[in-house]
Amino acid sequence: HQVSQAGDRPRVSRRSRASKGVRRAPPGKSFMSEQSHEEVEAASGRIQADVVVAVLAAGHGTRMRSEIPKHLHPVAGVPIVERVIRAGVKAGAGRTLVMVGSNLANLEDHIGSVGEFETVVQGPPRGTADSVRLALEQAPEARWMVSLLGDGALLTPEIVRALIERAQSTGSRITLLTCMVPDAATYGRIDRD
């Protein structure tokens, strides 16, 4: 599936496995074409239709000073954004949306995956909150929306699943995933008890 936003009106076009065929990524390139939704469900315990993961990957990454979009830089041979998508899909979300800028409108081609996530083109990118707003508009069925930063290469399905379970068990309107780092001077900070 692909959703594009031109100006202020999203444009939706659907691409499915049936219409496009399932392509396999080169060996070692992508896990997603290798695992069916049923295998993901078995690994995660269950698919939760009312949980939607939105991977926020619309930023340009200009501080990296690279021709390669930030989210496509490999970590241990796998693009950063693919690692985050993997965490969301394997956590058991009913849908996984990937919010991208126009430079990654063909994200499926870059990571060799079809059918495991939906690409939403945010145009022009207006920041993190706008990406979340657009994700919420694209997933009205979501009772739980998990927004993950597309450059969080260390996220695992277990971490995302624990975040979802905590939100569901407490009924919280907002649940934040935070971490402790030795030197937080260059990061935004959240004071925790």
N, C-alpha and C. Protein backbone atom coordinates (compact mmCIF):
# COMPACT_ATOMS: atom_id res chain seq x y z
N HIS A 1 0.85 -1.17 0.00
CA HIS A 1 0.00 0.00 0.00
C HIS A 1 0.89 1.23 0.00
N GLN A 2 0.45 2.28 -0.65
CA GLN A 2 1.18 3.53 -0.59
C GLN A 2 0.19 4.65 -0.46
N VAL A 3 0.48 5.57 0.44
CA VAL A 3 -0.34 6.74 0.64
C VAL A 3 0.56 7.93 0.37
N SER A 4 0.12 8.85 -0.46
CA SER A 4 0.89 10.05 -0.74
C SER A 4 0.09 11.25 -0.32
N GLN A 5 0.78 12.26 0.15
CA GLN A 5 0.10 13.49 0.52
C GLN A 5 0.62 14.58 -0.40
N ALA A 6 -0.24 15.11 -1.24
CA ALA A 6 0.11 16.20 -2.12
C ALA A 6 -0.58 17.44 -1.59
N GLY A 7 0.21 18.42 -1.16
CA GLY A 7 -0.38 19.59 -0.52
C GLY A 7 -0.99 19.17 0.78
N ASP A 8 -2.27 19.42 0.97
CA ASP A 8 -2.92 19.06 2.21
C ASP A 8 -3.84 17.86 2.09
N ARG A 9 -3.94 17.25 0.90
CA ARG A 9 -4.85 16.12 0.72
C ARG A 9 -4.06 14.86 0.43
N PRO A 10 -4.17 13.83 1.29
CA PRO A 10 -3.48 12.58 1.02
C PRO A 10 -4.05 11.89 -0.21
N ARG A 11 -3.21 11.25 -0.98
CA ARG A 11 -3.62 10.45 -2.12
C ARG A 11 -3.25 9.01 -1.80
N VAL A 12 -4.20 8.12 -1.90
CA VAL A 12 -3.99 6.73 -1.52
C VAL A 12 -3.98 5.87 -2.76
N SER A 13 -2.95 5.05 -2.88
CA SER A 13 -2.95 4.02 -3.92
C SER A 13 -2.58 2.72 -3.24
N ARG A 14 -3.28 1.66 -3.58
CA ARG A 14 -3.07 0.37 -2.93
C ARG A 14 -2.27 -0.55 -3.85
N ARG A 15 -1.24 -1.14 -3.29
CA ARG A 15 -0.48 -2.16 -4.00
C ARG A 15 -0.47 -3.39 -3.11
N SER A 16 -0.87 -4.51 -3.63
CA SER A 16 -0.92 -5.72 -2.80
C SER A 16 -0.02 -6.79 -3.39
N ARG A 17 0.19 -7.83 -2.59
CA ARG A 17 0.98 -8.96 -3.06
C ARG A 17 0.37 -9.56 -4.31
N ALA A 18 -0.96 -9.65 -4.34
CA ALA A 18 -1.63 -10.28 -5.48
C ALA A 18 -1.40 -9.49 -6.76
N SER A 19 -1.46 -8.16 -6.67
CA SER A 19 -1.34 -7.36 -7.89
C SER A 19 0.10 -7.16 -8.31
N LYS A 20 1.02 -7.25 -7.37
CA LYS A 20 2.39 -6.96 -7.70
C LYS A 20 3.29 -8.18 -7.60
N GLY A 21 2.87 -9.19 -6.89
CA GLY A 21 3.70 -10.37 -6.69
C GLY A 21 4.66 -10.17 -5.53
N VAL A 22 5.04 -11.24 -4.90
CA VAL A 22 5.98 -11.16 -3.79
C VAL A 22 7.38 -11.27 -4.34
N ARG A 23 8.20 -10.28 -4.06
CA ARG A 23 9.59 -10.31 -4.48
C ARG A 23 10.45 -10.70 -3.30
N ARG A 24 11.48 -11.45 -3.53
CA ARG A 24 12.43 -11.82 -2.50
C ARG A 24 13.63 -10.88 -2.58
N ALA A 25 14.08 -10.43 -1.42
CA ALA A 25 15.26 -9.59 -1.37
C ALA A 25 16.49 -10.46 -1.61
N PRO A 26 17.59 -9.85 -2.03
CA PRO A 26 18.82 -10.62 -2.16
C PRO A 26 19.18 -11.24 -0.81
N PRO A 27 19.90 -12.35 -0.80
CA PRO A 27 20.26 -13.00 0.47
C PRO A 27 20.92 -12.01 1.42
N GLY A 28 20.46 -12.02 2.66
CA GLY A 28 21.01 -11.14 3.68
C GLY A 28 20.53 -9.70 3.59
N LYS A 29 19.69 -9.38 2.62
CA LYS A 29 19.25 -8.00 2.42
C LYS A 29 18.05 -7.63 3.26
N SER A 30 17.05 -8.51 3.34
CA SER A 30 15.83 -8.18 4.05
C SER A 30 15.20 -9.41 4.65
N PHE A 31 14.65 -9.30 5.81
CA PHE A 31 13.95 -10.40 6.48
C PHE A 31 12.50 -10.44 6.08
N MET A 32 11.93 -9.28 5.67
CA MET A 32 10.48 -9.16 5.59
C MET A 32 9.86 -10.02 4.52
N SER A 33 10.48 -10.13 3.37
CA SER A 33 9.92 -10.98 2.33
C SER A 33 10.08 -12.45 2.67
N GLU A 34 10.92 -12.75 3.62
CA GLU A 34 11.19 -14.13 4.00
C GLU A 34 10.17 -14.66 5.00
N GLN A 35 9.46 -13.78 5.70
CA GLN A 35 8.53 -14.21 6.74
C GLN A 35 7.12 -13.83 6.36
N SER A 36 6.22 -14.78 6.42
CA SER A 36 4.83 -14.48 6.14
C SER A 36 4.20 -13.81 7.35
N HIS A 37 3.05 -13.18 7.15
CA HIS A 37 2.33 -12.55 8.26
C HIS A 37 1.96 -13.61 9.30
N GLU A 38 1.69 -14.84 8.84
CA GLU A 38 1.35 -15.92 9.76
C GLU A 38 2.54 -16.28 10.65
N GLU A 39 3.76 -16.27 10.06
CA GLU A 39 4.95 -16.57 10.85
C GLU A 39 5.21 -15.46 11.87
N VAL A 40 4.97 -14.21 11.47
CA VAL A 40 5.11 -13.10 12.40
C VAL A 40 4.12 -13.26 13.54
N GLU A 41 2.87 -13.63 13.21
CA GLU A 41 1.84 -13.82 14.24
C GLU A 41 2.26 -14.90 15.22
N ALA A 42 2.80 -16.00 14.72
CA ALA A 42 3.22 -17.09 15.60
C ALA A 42 4.37 -16.64 16.50
N ALA A 43 5.30 -15.84 15.97
CA ALA A 43 6.43 -15.36 16.75
C ALA A 43 6.01 -14.35 17.80
N SER A 44 5.02 -13.52 17.49
CA SER A 44 4.62 -12.47 18.42
C SER A 44 3.51 -12.91 19.37
N GLY A 45 2.91 -14.04 19.09
CA GLY A 45 1.82 -14.50 19.92
C GLY A 45 0.48 -14.23 19.26
N ARG A 46 0.31 -13.04 18.68
CA ARG A 46 -0.94 -12.74 17.98
C ARG A 46 -0.82 -11.42 17.24
N ILE A 47 -1.64 -11.26 16.23
CA ILE A 47 -1.74 -9.99 15.52
C ILE A 47 -2.85 -9.21 16.20
N GLN A 48 -2.58 -7.98 16.57
CA GLN A 48 -3.56 -7.13 17.23
C GLN A 48 -4.07 -6.11 16.21
N ALA A 49 -5.27 -6.35 15.69
CA ALA A 49 -5.82 -5.50 14.63
C ALA A 49 -5.99 -4.05 15.05
N ASP A 50 -6.18 -3.79 16.34
CA ASP A 50 -6.39 -2.42 16.79
C ASP A 50 -5.10 -1.69 17.16
N VAL A 51 -3.96 -2.33 16.90
CA VAL A 51 -2.65 -1.70 17.14
C VAL A 51 -2.02 -1.37 15.80
N VAL A 52 -1.63 -0.12 15.64
CA VAL A 52 -0.96 0.33 14.42
C VAL A 52 0.39 0.93 14.81
N VAL A 53 1.43 0.50 14.12
CA VAL A 53 2.77 1.07 14.32
C VAL A 53 3.00 2.06 13.19
N ALA A 54 3.48 3.25 13.56
CA ALA A 54 3.87 4.26 12.58
C ALA A 54 5.36 4.52 12.75
N VAL A 55 6.13 4.16 11.74
CA VAL A 55 7.57 4.40 11.76
C VAL A 55 7.79 5.76 11.11
N LEU A 56 8.37 6.69 11.85
CA LEU A 56 8.56 8.06 11.38
C LEU A 56 9.93 8.18 10.70
N ALA A 57 9.92 8.27 9.38
CA ALA A 57 11.17 8.29 8.61
C ALA A 57 11.13 9.35 7.51
N ALA A 58 10.48 10.49 7.79
CA ALA A 58 10.35 11.52 6.76
C ALA A 58 11.45 12.57 6.82
N GLY A 59 12.28 12.54 7.85
CA GLY A 59 13.35 13.53 7.97
C GLY A 59 14.40 13.35 6.90
N HIS A 60 15.13 14.41 6.63
CA HIS A 60 16.14 14.37 5.58
C HIS A 60 17.51 13.93 6.09
N GLY A 61 17.77 14.01 7.39
CA GLY A 61 19.07 13.60 7.92
C GLY A 61 20.21 14.46 7.41
N THR A 62 19.99 15.76 7.29
CA THR A 62 21.01 16.65 6.71
C THR A 62 22.28 16.72 7.54
N ARG A 63 22.19 16.48 8.84
CA ARG A 63 23.40 16.52 9.67
C ARG A 63 24.37 15.41 9.32
N MET A 64 23.91 14.38 8.64
CA MET A 64 24.79 13.27 8.28
C MET A 64 25.68 13.62 7.09
N ARG A 65 25.30 14.64 6.35
CA ARG A 65 26.07 15.07 5.17
C ARG A 65 26.38 13.89 4.25
N SER A 66 25.33 13.20 3.84
CA SER A 66 25.47 12.02 3.00
C SER A 66 24.45 12.07 1.88
N GLU A 67 24.82 11.50 0.75
CA GLU A 67 23.88 11.39 -0.36
C GLU A 67 22.83 10.31 -0.08
N ILE A 68 23.16 9.37 0.79
CA ILE A 68 22.24 8.29 1.14
C ILE A 68 21.28 8.81 2.20
N PRO A 69 19.97 8.66 2.02
CA PRO A 69 19.04 9.08 3.07
C PRO A 69 19.37 8.40 4.39
N LYS A 70 19.27 9.16 5.47
CA LYS A 70 19.65 8.66 6.80
C LYS A 70 19.07 7.30 7.10
N HIS A 71 17.81 7.11 6.80
CA HIS A 71 17.12 5.89 7.18
C HIS A 71 17.56 4.67 6.38
N LEU A 72 18.30 4.89 5.30
CA LEU A 72 18.79 3.77 4.49
C LEU A 72 20.22 3.39 4.82
N HIS A 73 20.88 4.14 5.70
CA HIS A 73 22.24 3.77 6.09
C HIS A 73 22.20 2.41 6.77
N PRO A 74 23.11 1.52 6.39
CA PRO A 74 23.10 0.19 6.98
C PRO A 74 23.75 0.13 8.36
N VAL A 75 23.17 -0.68 9.22
CA VAL A 75 23.76 -1.04 10.50
C VAL A 75 23.88 -2.55 10.46
N ALA A 76 25.10 -3.06 10.51
CA ALA A 76 25.37 -4.49 10.37
C ALA A 76 24.72 -5.04 9.09
N GLY A 77 24.79 -4.25 8.02
CA GLY A 77 24.31 -4.70 6.71
C GLY A 77 22.83 -4.55 6.45
N VAL A 78 22.07 -4.01 7.41
CA VAL A 78 20.63 -3.85 7.25
C VAL A 78 20.27 -2.37 7.40
N PRO A 79 19.51 -1.79 6.47
CA PRO A 79 19.14 -0.38 6.62
C PRO A 79 18.46 -0.10 7.96
N ILE A 80 18.81 1.04 8.55
CA ILE A 80 18.29 1.41 9.87
C ILE A 80 16.77 1.28 9.90
N VAL A 81 16.08 1.86 8.92
CA VAL A 81 14.62 1.85 8.94
C VAL A 81 14.06 0.44 8.84
N GLU A 82 14.75 -0.45 8.17
CA GLU A 82 14.28 -1.83 8.08
C GLU A 82 14.29 -2.49 9.45
N ARG A 83 15.29 -2.18 10.25
CA ARG A 83 15.36 -2.72 11.61
C ARG A 83 14.16 -2.26 12.45
N VAL A 84 13.79 -0.98 12.29
CA VAL A 84 12.65 -0.43 13.04
C VAL A 84 11.34 -1.05 12.53
N ILE A 85 11.20 -1.16 11.22
CA ILE A 85 10.01 -1.80 10.64
C ILE A 85 9.90 -3.23 11.16
N ARG A 86 11.00 -3.94 11.17
CA ARG A 86 11.02 -5.31 11.67
C ARG A 86 10.50 -5.38 13.11
N ALA A 87 10.95 -4.47 13.94
CA ALA A 87 10.51 -4.46 15.34
C ALA A 87 9.00 -4.25 15.43
N GLY A 88 8.46 -3.33 14.62
CA GLY A 88 7.02 -3.08 14.64
C GLY A 88 6.21 -4.24 14.12
N VAL A 89 6.63 -4.82 13.01
CA VAL A 89 5.90 -5.94 12.41
C VAL A 89 5.91 -7.15 13.34
N LYS A 90 7.07 -7.47 13.87
CA LYS A 90 7.19 -8.66 14.72
C LYS A 90 6.57 -8.46 16.10
N ALA A 91 6.28 -7.22 16.47
CA ALA A 91 5.63 -6.97 17.76
C ALA A 91 4.16 -7.35 17.72
N GLY A 92 3.63 -7.59 16.52
CA GLY A 92 2.25 -8.06 16.41
C GLY A 92 1.24 -6.99 16.06
N ALA A 93 1.69 -5.85 15.55
CA ALA A 93 0.76 -4.80 15.16
C ALA A 93 -0.10 -5.26 13.97
N GLY A 94 -1.34 -4.80 13.95
CA GLY A 94 -2.23 -5.12 12.84
C GLY A 94 -1.79 -4.47 11.54
N ARG A 95 -1.24 -3.27 11.63
CA ARG A 95 -0.73 -2.55 10.46
C ARG A 95 0.56 -1.85 10.86
N THR A 96 1.44 -1.69 9.89
CA THR A 96 2.65 -0.91 10.09
C THR A 96 2.71 0.12 8.97
N LEU A 97 2.68 1.39 9.35
CA LEU A 97 2.79 2.50 8.40
C LEU A 97 4.20 3.05 8.50
N VAL A 98 4.79 3.41 7.38
CA VAL A 98 6.10 4.06 7.40
C VAL A 98 5.93 5.43 6.77
N MET A 99 6.11 6.46 7.60
CA MET A 99 5.94 7.83 7.18
C MET A 99 7.27 8.31 6.57
N VAL A 100 7.25 8.67 5.27
CA VAL A 100 8.48 9.04 4.58
C VAL A 100 8.33 10.36 3.85
N GLY A 101 9.47 10.95 3.48
CA GLY A 101 9.48 12.10 2.60
C GLY A 101 9.47 11.59 1.16
N SER A 102 9.39 12.52 0.22
CA SER A 102 9.33 12.12 -1.19
C SER A 102 10.58 11.37 -1.64
N ASN A 103 11.70 11.58 -0.95
CA ASN A 103 12.94 10.90 -1.33
C ASN A 103 12.90 9.39 -1.05
N LEU A 104 11.95 8.94 -0.24
CA LEU A 104 11.82 7.50 0.06
C LEU A 104 10.45 6.95 -0.33
N ALA A 105 9.80 7.60 -1.30
CA ALA A 105 8.47 7.16 -1.73
C ALA A 105 8.49 5.71 -2.21
N ASN A 106 9.62 5.26 -2.73
CA ASN A 106 9.75 3.88 -3.21
C ASN A 106 10.55 3.05 -2.21
N LEU A 107 10.28 3.21 -0.94
CA LEU A 107 11.02 2.53 0.13
C LEU A 107 11.05 1.03 -0.06
N GLU A 108 9.93 0.43 -0.48
CA GLU A 108 9.90 -1.02 -0.67
C GLU A 108 11.00 -1.48 -1.62
N ASP A 109 11.30 -0.70 -2.64
CA ASP A 109 12.34 -1.07 -3.58
C ASP A 109 13.73 -0.99 -2.93
N HIS A 110 13.92 -0.04 -2.03
CA HIS A 110 15.21 0.14 -1.38
C HIS A 110 15.53 -0.98 -0.40
N ILE A 111 14.51 -1.52 0.25
CA ILE A 111 14.79 -2.56 1.23
C ILE A 111 14.29 -3.92 0.78
N GLY A 112 13.79 -4.00 -0.44
CA GLY A 112 13.42 -5.28 -1.01
C GLY A 112 12.26 -5.96 -0.33
N SER A 113 11.26 -5.20 0.07
CA SER A 113 10.13 -5.79 0.77
C SER A 113 8.83 -5.31 0.16
N VAL A 114 7.87 -6.20 0.07
CA VAL A 114 6.55 -5.86 -0.43
C VAL A 114 5.51 -6.46 0.49
N GLY A 115 4.52 -5.66 0.86
CA GLY A 115 3.36 -6.21 1.55
C GLY A 115 3.39 -6.24 3.06
N GLU A 116 4.51 -6.00 3.70
CA GLU A 116 4.56 -6.07 5.15
C GLU A 116 4.29 -4.73 5.82
N PHE A 117 4.35 -3.64 5.06
CA PHE A 117 4.09 -2.32 5.61
C PHE A 117 3.50 -1.44 4.52
N GLU A 118 2.95 -0.31 4.94
CA GLU A 118 2.37 0.66 4.02
C GLU A 118 3.23 1.92 4.08
N THR A 119 3.57 2.45 2.93
CA THR A 119 4.35 3.68 2.85
C THR A 119 3.40 4.86 2.76
N VAL A 120 3.61 5.85 3.61
CA VAL A 120 2.82 7.08 3.58
C VAL A 120 3.79 8.21 3.29
N VAL A 121 3.61 8.86 2.15
CA VAL A 121 4.49 9.95 1.75
C VAL A 121 3.95 11.24 2.31
N GLN A 122 4.74 11.86 3.17
CA GLN A 122 4.37 13.12 3.79
C GLN A 122 4.98 14.23 2.96
N GLY A 123 4.14 15.08 2.39
CA GLY A 123 4.71 16.12 1.55
C GLY A 123 4.04 17.45 1.74
N PRO A 124 4.80 18.46 1.99
CA PRO A 124 6.20 18.45 2.44
C PRO A 124 6.27 18.08 3.92
N PRO A 125 7.40 17.48 4.35
CA PRO A 125 7.53 17.14 5.76
C PRO A 125 7.42 18.38 6.64
N ARG A 126 6.60 18.27 7.69
CA ARG A 126 6.38 19.40 8.59
C ARG A 126 6.71 19.03 10.03
N GLY A 127 7.53 18.02 10.22
CA GLY A 127 7.96 17.66 11.56
C GLY A 127 7.31 16.40 12.09
N THR A 128 7.78 16.02 13.27
CA THR A 128 7.35 14.78 13.91
C THR A 128 5.86 14.76 14.21
N ALA A 129 5.36 15.84 14.79
CA ALA A 129 3.93 15.88 15.15
C ALA A 129 3.05 15.76 13.91
N ASP A 130 3.46 16.34 12.81
CA ASP A 130 2.68 16.24 11.58
C ASP A 130 2.68 14.80 11.06
N SER A 131 3.80 14.11 11.19
CA SER A 131 3.86 12.70 10.78
C SER A 131 2.89 11.87 11.61
N VAL A 132 2.87 12.10 12.92
CA VAL A 132 1.96 11.36 13.79
C VAL A 132 0.51 11.69 13.43
N ARG A 133 0.21 12.97 13.19
CA ARG A 133 -1.14 13.37 12.81
C ARG A 133 -1.58 12.65 11.53
N LEU A 134 -0.71 12.62 10.55
CA LEU A 134 -1.03 11.96 9.29
C LEU A 134 -1.22 10.45 9.49
N ALA A 135 -0.40 9.84 10.34
CA ALA A 135 -0.54 8.41 10.63
C ALA A 135 -1.89 8.14 11.28
N LEU A 136 -2.29 8.99 12.20
CA LEU A 136 -3.61 8.82 12.85
C LEU A 136 -4.74 8.94 11.83
N GLU A 137 -4.61 9.86 10.88
CA GLU A 137 -5.63 10.01 9.85
C GLU A 137 -5.72 8.76 8.97
N GLN A 138 -4.57 8.13 8.71
CA GLN A 138 -4.54 6.97 7.83
C GLN A 138 -4.97 5.68 8.52
N ALA A 139 -5.07 5.72 9.85
CA ALA A 139 -5.42 4.51 10.60
C ALA A 139 -6.54 4.78 11.59
N PRO A 140 -7.74 5.10 11.09
CA PRO A 140 -8.85 5.42 12.01
C PRO A 140 -9.26 4.22 12.88
N GLU A 141 -8.89 3.01 12.47
CA GLU A 141 -9.25 1.83 13.25
C GLU A 141 -8.35 1.62 14.46
N ALA A 142 -7.27 2.39 14.55
CA ALA A 142 -6.30 2.18 15.62
C ALA A 142 -6.85 2.59 16.98
N ARG A 143 -6.82 1.66 17.88
CA ARG A 143 -7.11 1.97 19.27
C ARG A 143 -5.81 2.35 19.97
N TRP A 144 -4.72 1.74 19.48
CA TRP A 144 -3.38 2.01 20.01
C TRP A 144 -2.47 2.35 18.84
N MET A 145 -1.85 3.53 18.89
CA MET A 145 -0.89 3.96 17.87
C MET A 145 0.48 4.00 18.52
N VAL A 146 1.42 3.29 17.93
CA VAL A 146 2.79 3.28 18.42
C VAL A 146 3.63 4.02 17.38
N SER A 147 4.19 5.16 17.76
CA SER A 147 5.05 5.87 16.82
C SER A 147 6.50 5.61 17.20
N LEU A 148 7.25 5.11 16.23
CA LEU A 148 8.66 4.77 16.42
C LEU A 148 9.51 5.64 15.52
N LEU A 149 10.60 6.16 16.04
CA LEU A 149 11.51 6.94 15.22
C LEU A 149 12.25 6.01 14.27
N GLY A 150 12.29 6.38 13.01
CA GLY A 150 12.86 5.52 11.97
C GLY A 150 14.34 5.32 12.05
N ASP A 151 15.02 6.02 12.96
CA ASP A 151 16.46 5.82 13.10
C ASP A 151 16.82 5.13 14.41
N GLY A 152 15.84 4.47 15.03
CA GLY A 152 16.07 3.74 16.29
C GLY A 152 16.51 2.31 16.02
N ALA A 153 17.72 2.15 15.53
CA ALA A 153 18.20 0.85 15.06
C ALA A 153 18.28 -0.23 16.14
N LEU A 154 18.23 0.15 17.40
CA LEU A 154 18.37 -0.85 18.46
C LEU A 154 17.03 -1.35 19.01
N LEU A 155 15.93 -0.87 18.45
CA LEU A 155 14.61 -1.37 18.88
C LEU A 155 14.46 -2.84 18.51
N THR A 156 13.82 -3.57 19.40
CA THR A 156 13.55 -4.98 19.13
C THR A 156 12.04 -5.21 19.22
N PRO A 157 11.55 -6.30 18.65
CA PRO A 157 10.12 -6.61 18.80
C PRO A 157 9.71 -6.73 20.26
N GLU A 158 10.58 -7.27 21.08
CA GLU A 158 10.27 -7.43 22.50
C GLU A 158 10.06 -6.09 23.19
N ILE A 159 10.88 -5.11 22.85
CA ILE A 159 10.75 -3.77 23.44
C ILE A 159 9.43 -3.15 23.00
N VAL A 160 9.12 -3.23 21.70
CA VAL A 160 7.89 -2.64 21.20
C VAL A 160 6.68 -3.37 21.79
N ARG A 161 6.74 -4.69 21.87
CA ARG A 161 5.65 -5.46 22.45
C ARG A 161 5.43 -5.07 23.92
N ALA A 162 6.52 -4.90 24.67
CA ALA A 162 6.41 -4.51 26.09
C ALA A 162 5.79 -3.11 26.22
N LEU A 163 6.13 -2.21 25.31
CA LEU A 163 5.55 -0.87 25.32
C LEU A 163 4.04 -0.95 25.08
N ILE A 164 3.64 -1.74 24.10
CA ILE A 164 2.21 -1.91 23.78
C ILE A 164 1.48 -2.53 24.98
N GLU A 165 2.05 -3.58 25.54
CA GLU A 165 1.41 -4.25 26.67
C GLU A 165 1.27 -3.32 27.87
N ARG A 166 2.28 -2.49 28.12
CA ARG A 166 2.21 -1.54 29.24
C ARG A 166 1.11 -0.52 29.00
N ALA A 167 1.04 0.01 27.80
CA ALA A 167 -0.01 0.99 27.47
C ALA A 167 -1.39 0.36 27.65
N GLN A 168 -1.56 -0.86 27.15
CA GLN A 168 -2.85 -1.53 27.24
C GLN A 168 -3.22 -1.88 28.68
N SER A 169 -2.25 -2.32 29.48
CA SER A 169 -2.56 -2.72 30.85
C SER A 169 -2.89 -1.53 31.75
N THR A 170 -2.31 -0.36 31.45
CA THR A 170 -2.57 0.82 32.27
C THR A 170 -3.70 1.67 31.72
N GLY A 171 -4.04 1.47 30.45
CA GLY A 171 -5.07 2.29 29.82
C GLY A 171 -4.61 3.72 29.59
N SER A 172 -3.32 3.94 29.62
CA SER A 172 -2.77 5.28 29.45
C SER A 172 -3.06 5.83 28.07
N ARG A 173 -3.35 7.12 28.00
CA ARG A 173 -3.55 7.78 26.70
C ARG A 173 -2.21 7.93 25.99
N ILE A 174 -1.14 8.14 26.76
CA ILE A 174 0.20 8.27 26.18
C ILE A 174 1.16 7.44 27.03
N THR A 175 1.95 6.61 26.37
CA THR A 175 3.00 5.84 27.05
C THR A 175 4.30 6.12 26.31
N LEU A 176 5.33 6.52 27.02
CA LEU A 176 6.61 6.86 26.41
C LEU A 176 7.64 5.78 26.69
N LEU A 177 8.44 5.49 25.69
CA LEU A 177 9.58 4.60 25.85
C LEU A 177 10.80 5.51 26.01
N THR A 178 11.48 5.37 27.12
CA THR A 178 12.67 6.18 27.38
C THR A 178 13.82 5.24 27.71
N CYS A 179 15.01 5.80 27.76
CA CYS A 179 16.17 5.01 28.15
C CYS A 179 17.12 5.89 28.96
N MET A 180 17.99 5.23 29.69
CA MET A 180 19.01 5.91 30.47
C MET A 180 20.31 5.86 29.66
N VAL A 181 20.95 7.00 29.48
CA VAL A 181 22.24 7.05 28.79
C VAL A 181 23.26 7.72 29.70
N PRO A 182 24.53 7.37 29.55
CA PRO A 182 25.56 7.93 30.43
C PRO A 182 25.66 9.46 30.33
N ASP A 183 25.51 10.01 29.12
CA ASP A 183 25.62 11.46 28.94
C ASP A 183 24.48 11.93 28.05
N ALA A 184 23.48 12.54 28.65
CA ALA A 184 22.29 12.97 27.91
C ALA A 184 22.39 14.40 27.40
N ALA A 185 23.56 15.00 27.43
CA ALA A 185 23.72 16.41 27.07
C ALA A 185 23.26 16.73 25.65
N THR A 186 23.39 15.80 24.73
CA THR A 186 23.02 16.08 23.34
C THR A 186 21.63 15.56 22.98
N TYR A 187 20.90 15.06 23.96
CA TYR A 187 19.57 14.51 23.71
C TYR A 187 18.50 15.36 24.40
N GLY A 188 17.25 15.24 23.90
CA GLY A 188 16.15 15.77 24.66
C GLY A 188 16.02 14.94 25.92
N ARG A 189 15.54 15.52 27.00
CA ARG A 189 15.51 14.79 28.26
C ARG A 189 14.12 14.72 28.84
N ILE A 190 13.86 13.65 29.55
CA ILE A 190 12.63 13.46 30.30
C ILE A 190 13.06 13.13 31.72
N ASP A 191 12.61 13.94 32.67
CA ASP A 191 12.90 13.65 34.07
C ASP A 191 11.99 12.52 34.52
N ARG A 192 12.59 11.47 35.08
CA ARG A 192 11.85 10.30 35.52
C ARG A 192 12.01 10.14 37.03
N ASP A 193 10.99 9.59 37.67
CA ASP A 193 11.09 9.29 39.10
C ASP A 193 11.97 8.09 39.30
